[in-house]
Amino acid sequence: MDQLTSMQVFRQVVDSGSFALAAQRLDISAPMASKHVAQLEKRLGARLLNRSSRHLSLTEAGQRWYAQSSQALEMLDAAAQEIGQHHQAPRGQLKISAPVWCATPRMAQILASYRARYPEVLVDIHLDNHKIDLATAGYDMALRAATEPAPHLIARPLCEVPFYLVAAPAYLQRTGHPQQPADLMRHAAVVPSYVATGPLQLSQGGRSVPLHLPPALLSDDSNLSLHAVRAGMGIGFLPGWLVDADVAQGQLVRVLPQWSALTVTLYAIYTSRRYLAPKVRSFIDWLSQELAGGGESSPPEKG
């Protein structure tokens, strides 16, 4: 059996979670898919999958092989796609899901420069802090922020986005400046509902303390949260992308700036490595280039 084909079958089995689904997607029989994986295990001399009648899971060896073989297949797919599609210009409607806090001048500049470079692509971007299923909702890709993406997603890290504690100067003049994390308990807070559910911490010099923020407002709309903080409703816990300009202009003030809060990674998420449309690949590459140019790093793609 061809080892490259066996590698592709194994990756599809892991991605789909089923020999039957993998076989269907690759247009082969389920017994043939099982035979490919068995032959791969024999060649490697290691069991890659734990099998039961209802569940598949990767062994430790399988996890290592999946990570390394996926990267190799990704490189081969990209090379083949570049050769096969080098003459195709990106075009068509590109439907993207992104967090509300992406509605910033910085993102607008990136979209404008992308449009200038690829005028035949119409970006259709939907801002929503709720995660959606790309395939069923008809999206080409999504921008998602996470400390660690779900393992079943194809995710390319783009940049890091820190969250800051900020407040309007008038609010701090009225209530006083917190000097230590415990002081936050005496303040009202404007917290996005998508970060309010998890335990939050502040860290400094290897020391971590719980971040207690008694909420005055919960909202799944980051822009509304920003306006509430500007209006003096309380201390906000908001992404740097949304508040950096206000802090630079003095409209907002960092609270406890010597303490680090949450930092998430912005990922480009898409559904399939195979036959990635030029419009999707070009936009992800453009984002990676532009965000890296802004001072943030763009690590290698993860699967």
Protein backbone atom coordinates (compact mmCIF):
# COMPACT_ATOMS: atom_id res chain seq x y z
CA MET A 1 0.00 0.00 0.00
CA ASP A 2 1.09 3.55 -0.71
CA GLN A 3 2.26 5.16 2.55
CA LEU A 4 1.18 8.65 1.50
CA THR A 5 -2.37 7.41 0.91
CA SER A 6 -2.30 5.62 4.28
CA MET A 7 -1.22 8.86 5.96
CA GLN A 8 -4.08 10.72 4.29
CA VAL A 9 -6.56 8.05 5.38
CA PHE A 10 -5.28 8.15 8.95
CA ARG A 11 -5.62 11.93 9.11
CA GLN A 12 -9.15 11.78 7.75
CA VAL A 13 -10.11 9.08 10.26
CA VAL A 14 -8.86 11.27 13.13
CA ASP A 15 -10.48 14.44 11.77
CA SER A 16 -13.85 12.79 11.19
CA GLY A 17 -13.72 10.50 14.24
CA SER A 18 -14.95 7.55 12.26
CA PHE A 19 -13.64 5.01 9.75
CA ALA A 20 -17.01 5.09 7.97
CA LEU A 21 -17.06 8.89 7.62
CA ALA A 22 -13.42 8.95 6.54
CA ALA A 23 -14.10 6.30 3.92
CA GLN A 24 -17.11 8.22 2.65
CA ARG A 25 -15.13 11.46 2.32
CA LEU A 26 -12.25 9.70 0.56
CA ASP A 27 -14.56 7.61 -1.65
CA ILE A 28 -13.19 4.28 -0.46
CA SER A 29 -14.74 1.44 1.53
CA ALA A 30 -14.64 1.37 5.31
CA PRO A 31 -12.69 -1.94 5.33
CA MET A 32 -10.13 -0.36 3.00
CA ALA A 33 -9.78 2.64 5.33
CA SER A 34 -9.22 0.28 8.27
CA LYS A 35 -6.68 -1.68 6.22
CA HIS A 36 -4.73 1.49 5.44
CA VAL A 37 -4.49 2.43 9.12
CA ALA A 38 -3.55 -1.11 10.11
CA GLN A 39 -0.82 -1.16 7.46
CA LEU A 40 0.47 2.20 8.73
CA GLU A 41 0.59 0.89 12.30
CA LYS A 42 2.44 -2.22 11.12
CA ARG A 43 4.98 -0.12 9.23
CA LEU A 44 5.55 2.17 12.23
CA GLY A 45 5.53 -0.66 14.74
CA ALA A 46 3.12 1.20 17.04
CA ARG A 47 -0.60 1.35 17.70
CA LEU A 48 -1.95 4.73 16.63
CA LEU A 49 -5.62 4.40 17.56
CA ASN A 50 -7.58 2.92 20.41
CA ARG A 51 -10.67 1.38 18.86
CA SER A 52 -13.99 0.40 20.38
CA SER A 53 -17.42 -0.21 18.88
CA ARG A 54 -18.44 3.42 19.48
CA HIS A 55 -15.30 5.45 19.99
CA LEU A 56 -11.87 6.16 18.52
CA SER A 57 -9.06 7.87 20.40
CA LEU A 58 -5.43 8.56 19.67
CA THR A 59 -2.71 6.74 21.54
CA GLU A 60 0.33 8.69 22.67
CA ALA A 61 2.19 7.50 19.58
CA GLY A 62 -0.86 8.38 17.49
CA GLN A 63 -0.90 11.94 18.82
CA ARG A 64 2.75 12.42 17.86
CA TRP A 65 2.27 10.86 14.44
CA TYR A 66 -0.89 12.87 13.76
CA ALA A 67 0.83 16.18 14.58
CA GLN A 68 3.92 15.48 12.50
CA SER A 69 2.27 13.72 9.58
CA SER A 70 -0.43 16.42 9.35
CA GLN A 71 2.26 19.07 9.05
CA ALA A 72 3.95 17.06 6.29
CA LEU A 73 0.68 16.55 4.42
CA GLU A 74 -0.14 20.22 4.84
CA MET A 75 3.13 21.17 3.18
CA LEU A 76 2.49 18.75 0.32
CA ASP A 77 -1.08 20.01 -0.11
CA ALA A 78 0.11 23.61 -0.13
CA ALA A 79 2.80 22.86 -2.71
CA ALA A 80 0.34 21.03 -4.94
CA GLN A 81 -2.23 23.78 -4.56
CA GLU A 82 0.30 26.48 -5.38
CA ILE A 83 1.26 24.65 -8.54
CA GLY A 84 -2.34 23.86 -9.48
CA GLN A 85 -3.85 27.23 -8.64
CA HIS A 86 -1.04 29.71 -9.17
CA HIS A 87 -2.88 31.09 -12.17
CA GLN A 88 -6.15 31.60 -10.28
CA ALA A 89 -6.71 35.04 -8.78
CA PRO A 90 -8.71 35.17 -5.50
CA ARG A 91 -12.28 36.10 -6.26
CA GLY A 92 -15.84 35.74 -5.01
CA GLN A 93 -17.64 36.44 -1.75
CA LEU A 94 -15.66 35.62 1.41
CA LYS A 95 -17.99 35.07 4.38
CA ILE A 96 -16.22 35.52 7.73
CA SER A 97 -17.36 35.28 11.36
CA ALA A 98 -15.38 37.46 13.80
CA PRO A 99 -15.61 38.84 17.36
CA VAL A 100 -17.34 42.18 17.83
CA TRP A 101 -14.09 43.74 19.07
CA CYS A 102 -12.62 43.32 15.58
CA ALA A 103 -14.63 46.42 14.62
CA THR A 104 -11.62 48.71 14.99
CA PRO A 105 -9.77 51.19 12.76
CA ARG A 106 -6.90 48.73 12.59
CA MET A 107 -9.08 45.96 11.14
CA ALA A 108 -10.68 48.46 8.76
CA GLN A 109 -7.24 49.39 7.44
CA ILE A 110 -6.39 45.71 6.93
CA LEU A 111 -9.64 45.15 5.05
CA ALA A 112 -9.03 48.23 2.91
CA SER A 113 -5.50 47.16 1.99
CA TYR A 114 -6.70 43.64 1.21
CA ARG A 115 -9.45 45.05 -1.02
CA ALA A 116 -6.91 47.16 -2.87
CA ARG A 117 -4.75 44.09 -3.47
CA TYR A 118 -7.62 41.68 -4.31
CA PRO A 119 -10.47 43.76 -5.74
CA GLU A 120 -12.37 40.69 -6.98
CA VAL A 121 -12.96 39.43 -3.43
CA LEU A 122 -16.03 40.75 -1.57
CA VAL A 123 -15.44 40.40 2.18
CA ASP A 124 -18.71 39.68 4.00
CA ILE A 125 -17.77 39.87 7.69
CA HIS A 126 -20.27 39.13 10.46
CA LEU A 127 -19.38 40.36 13.95
CA ASP A 128 -20.68 38.18 16.75
CA ASN A 129 -19.13 36.95 20.00
CA HIS A 130 -21.04 33.66 19.78
CA LYS A 131 -19.17 30.78 18.20
CA ILE A 132 -20.89 29.28 15.20
CA ASP A 133 -20.50 26.08 13.20
CA LEU A 134 -18.74 27.19 10.03
CA ALA A 135 -19.94 24.36 7.82
CA THR A 136 -23.64 24.46 8.72
CA ALA A 137 -23.79 28.28 8.78
CA GLY A 138 -22.14 28.63 5.39
CA TYR A 139 -19.03 30.54 6.49
CA ASP A 140 -15.71 30.25 4.70
CA MET A 141 -13.67 30.97 7.83
CA ALA A 142 -13.78 32.58 11.25
CA LEU A 143 -11.58 34.69 13.48
CA ARG A 144 -11.69 33.39 17.03
CA ALA A 145 -9.89 34.32 20.21
CA ALA A 146 -8.89 31.58 22.63
CA THR A 147 -6.16 30.57 25.04
CA GLU A 148 -6.17 27.17 23.30
CA PRO A 149 -8.29 26.26 20.26
CA ALA A 150 -10.49 23.18 20.27
CA PRO A 151 -8.46 20.19 19.05
CA HIS A 152 -10.90 19.35 16.24
CA LEU A 153 -10.51 22.77 14.60
CA ILE A 154 -8.01 23.74 11.92
CA ALA A 155 -6.51 26.86 13.46
CA ARG A 156 -3.74 29.20 12.34
CA PRO A 157 -2.54 31.59 15.07
CA LEU A 158 -2.33 35.21 13.92
CA CYS A 159 -1.41 37.35 16.93
CA GLU A 160 -1.86 37.76 20.66
CA VAL A 161 -4.55 40.03 22.09
CA PRO A 162 -4.19 41.13 25.74
CA PHE A 163 -7.14 42.15 27.89
CA TYR A 164 -6.77 45.21 30.12
CA LEU A 165 -8.51 46.71 33.11
CA VAL A 166 -9.49 50.27 32.14
CA ALA A 167 -11.69 53.05 33.46
CA ALA A 168 -12.72 56.58 32.61
CA PRO A 169 -10.69 59.25 34.48
CA ALA A 170 -13.90 60.75 35.87
CA TYR A 171 -14.92 57.39 37.34
CA LEU A 172 -11.56 56.99 39.09
CA GLN A 173 -11.69 60.54 40.41
CA ARG A 174 -15.07 59.75 41.92
CA THR A 175 -14.25 56.32 43.36
CA GLY A 176 -10.47 56.32 43.79
CA HIS A 177 -7.74 54.38 42.03
CA PRO A 178 -7.38 50.70 43.01
CA GLN A 179 -3.88 50.13 44.42
CA GLN A 180 -4.01 46.33 44.64
CA PRO A 181 -6.22 43.53 43.26
CA ALA A 182 -8.27 43.29 46.47
CA ASP A 183 -9.42 46.90 45.92
CA LEU A 184 -11.36 45.81 42.82
CA MET A 185 -14.02 44.28 45.05
CA ARG A 186 -15.14 47.81 45.95
CA HIS A 187 -15.66 48.83 42.34
CA ALA A 188 -18.35 48.26 39.77
CA ALA A 189 -17.20 46.43 36.68
CA VAL A 190 -18.24 46.23 33.03
CA VAL A 191 -17.36 42.71 31.94
CA PRO A 192 -18.09 41.10 28.56
CA SER A 193 -20.32 38.10 29.18
CA TYR A 194 -18.07 35.89 27.06
CA VAL A 195 -15.24 36.19 29.64
CA ALA A 196 -17.36 36.51 32.78
CA THR A 197 -18.10 32.80 33.08
CA GLY A 198 -14.53 31.57 33.60
CA PRO A 199 -12.15 32.07 36.52
CA LEU A 200 -9.92 35.08 35.89
CA GLN A 201 -6.57 35.90 37.43
CA LEU A 202 -4.06 38.71 37.66
CA SER A 203 -0.37 37.83 37.64
CA GLN A 204 2.81 39.67 38.56
CA GLY A 205 6.33 38.31 38.87
CA GLY A 206 5.20 34.69 39.06
CA ARG A 207 2.47 35.46 41.59
CA SER A 208 -1.19 35.00 40.67
CA VAL A 209 -4.30 36.19 42.47
CA PRO A 210 -7.99 35.76 41.62
CA LEU A 211 -9.54 38.62 39.71
CA HIS A 212 -12.81 39.52 41.42
CA LEU A 213 -14.94 41.98 39.44
CA PRO A 214 -18.45 42.60 40.85
CA PRO A 215 -20.38 43.29 37.63
CA ALA A 216 -22.40 46.41 37.02
CA LEU A 217 -23.12 45.35 33.43
CA LEU A 218 -22.81 42.16 31.41
CA SER A 219 -23.07 42.34 27.64
CA ASP A 220 -22.09 40.16 24.71
CA ASP A 221 -21.45 43.31 22.67
CA SER A 222 -17.92 44.58 23.28
CA ASN A 223 -18.65 47.99 21.79
CA LEU A 224 -21.54 48.56 24.22
CA SER A 225 -19.22 47.57 27.07
CA LEU A 226 -16.66 50.11 25.83
CA HIS A 227 -19.25 52.88 25.69
CA ALA A 228 -20.40 52.02 29.22
CA VAL A 229 -16.83 52.29 30.53
CA ARG A 230 -16.39 55.61 28.75
CA ALA A 231 -19.61 56.79 30.42
CA GLY A 232 -18.15 56.05 33.86
CA MET A 233 -20.25 52.99 34.65
CA GLY A 234 -17.31 51.11 36.11
CA ILE A 235 -13.97 49.43 35.46
CA GLY A 236 -13.90 47.56 32.19
CA PHE A 237 -12.18 44.29 31.34
CA LEU A 238 -11.74 44.63 27.60
CA PRO A 239 -9.41 43.54 24.76
CA GLY A 240 -6.48 45.79 23.93
CA TRP A 241 -7.63 46.10 20.32
CA LEU A 242 -10.70 47.93 21.58
CA VAL A 243 -9.16 50.23 24.19
CA ASP A 244 -5.58 50.97 23.04
CA ALA A 245 -6.57 54.14 21.17
CA ASP A 246 -8.63 55.46 24.10
CA VAL A 247 -5.76 54.83 26.51
CA ALA A 248 -3.29 56.56 24.20
CA GLN A 249 -5.59 59.59 23.94
CA GLY A 250 -6.29 59.74 27.68
CA GLN A 251 -9.99 58.93 27.37
CA LEU A 252 -9.42 55.78 29.43
CA VAL A 253 -6.81 54.92 32.05
CA ARG A 254 -5.20 51.53 32.71
CA VAL A 255 -6.11 50.15 36.14
CA LEU A 256 -3.42 48.14 37.98
CA PRO A 257 -1.18 48.28 34.88
CA GLN A 258 1.64 46.50 36.72
CA TRP A 259 -0.52 43.35 36.85
CA SER A 260 -1.08 41.15 33.78
CA ALA A 261 -4.57 39.90 33.03
CA LEU A 262 -5.88 37.58 30.32
CA THR A 263 -4.07 37.23 26.99
CA VAL A 264 -5.72 35.29 24.17
CA THR A 265 -4.53 34.32 20.72
CA LEU A 266 -6.47 35.34 17.64
CA TYR A 267 -6.82 32.36 15.31
CA ALA A 268 -7.97 32.01 11.73
CA ILE A 269 -10.30 29.01 11.72
CA TYR A 270 -11.38 27.07 8.65
CA THR A 271 -12.96 23.71 7.94
CA SER A 272 -10.70 21.86 5.54
CA ARG A 273 -7.04 21.80 4.59
CA ARG A 274 -7.81 20.32 1.20
CA TYR A 275 -8.54 22.57 -1.77
CA LEU A 276 -8.56 25.74 0.29
CA ALA A 277 -10.04 28.44 -1.95
CA PRO A 278 -7.63 31.18 -3.08
CA LYS A 279 -9.86 33.83 -1.48
CA VAL A 280 -9.57 32.12 1.94
CA ARG A 281 -5.86 31.41 1.74
CA SER A 282 -5.05 34.91 0.47
CA PHE A 283 -7.05 36.56 3.27
CA ILE A 284 -5.45 34.45 6.00
CA ASP A 285 -1.98 35.14 4.58
CA TRP A 286 -2.80 38.85 4.37
CA LEU A 287 -3.98 38.95 7.99
CA SER A 288 -0.89 37.10 9.15
CA GLN A 289 1.36 39.51 7.27
CA GLU A 290 -0.41 42.66 8.43
CA LEU A 291 -0.73 41.63 12.07
CA ALA A 292 2.90 40.51 12.20
CA GLY A 293 3.85 43.88 10.72
CA GLY A 294 2.05 45.53 13.63
CA GLY A 295 4.52 44.10 16.09
CA GLU A 296 2.91 40.76 16.89
CA SER A 297 4.27 37.39 15.93
CA SER A 298 2.56 34.84 13.72
CA PRO A 299 3.65 31.30 14.65
CA PRO A 300 3.44 28.38 12.24
CA GLU A 301 0.04 27.01 11.40
CA LYS A 302 -1.51 24.39 13.69
CA GLY A 303 -3.91 21.67 12.78
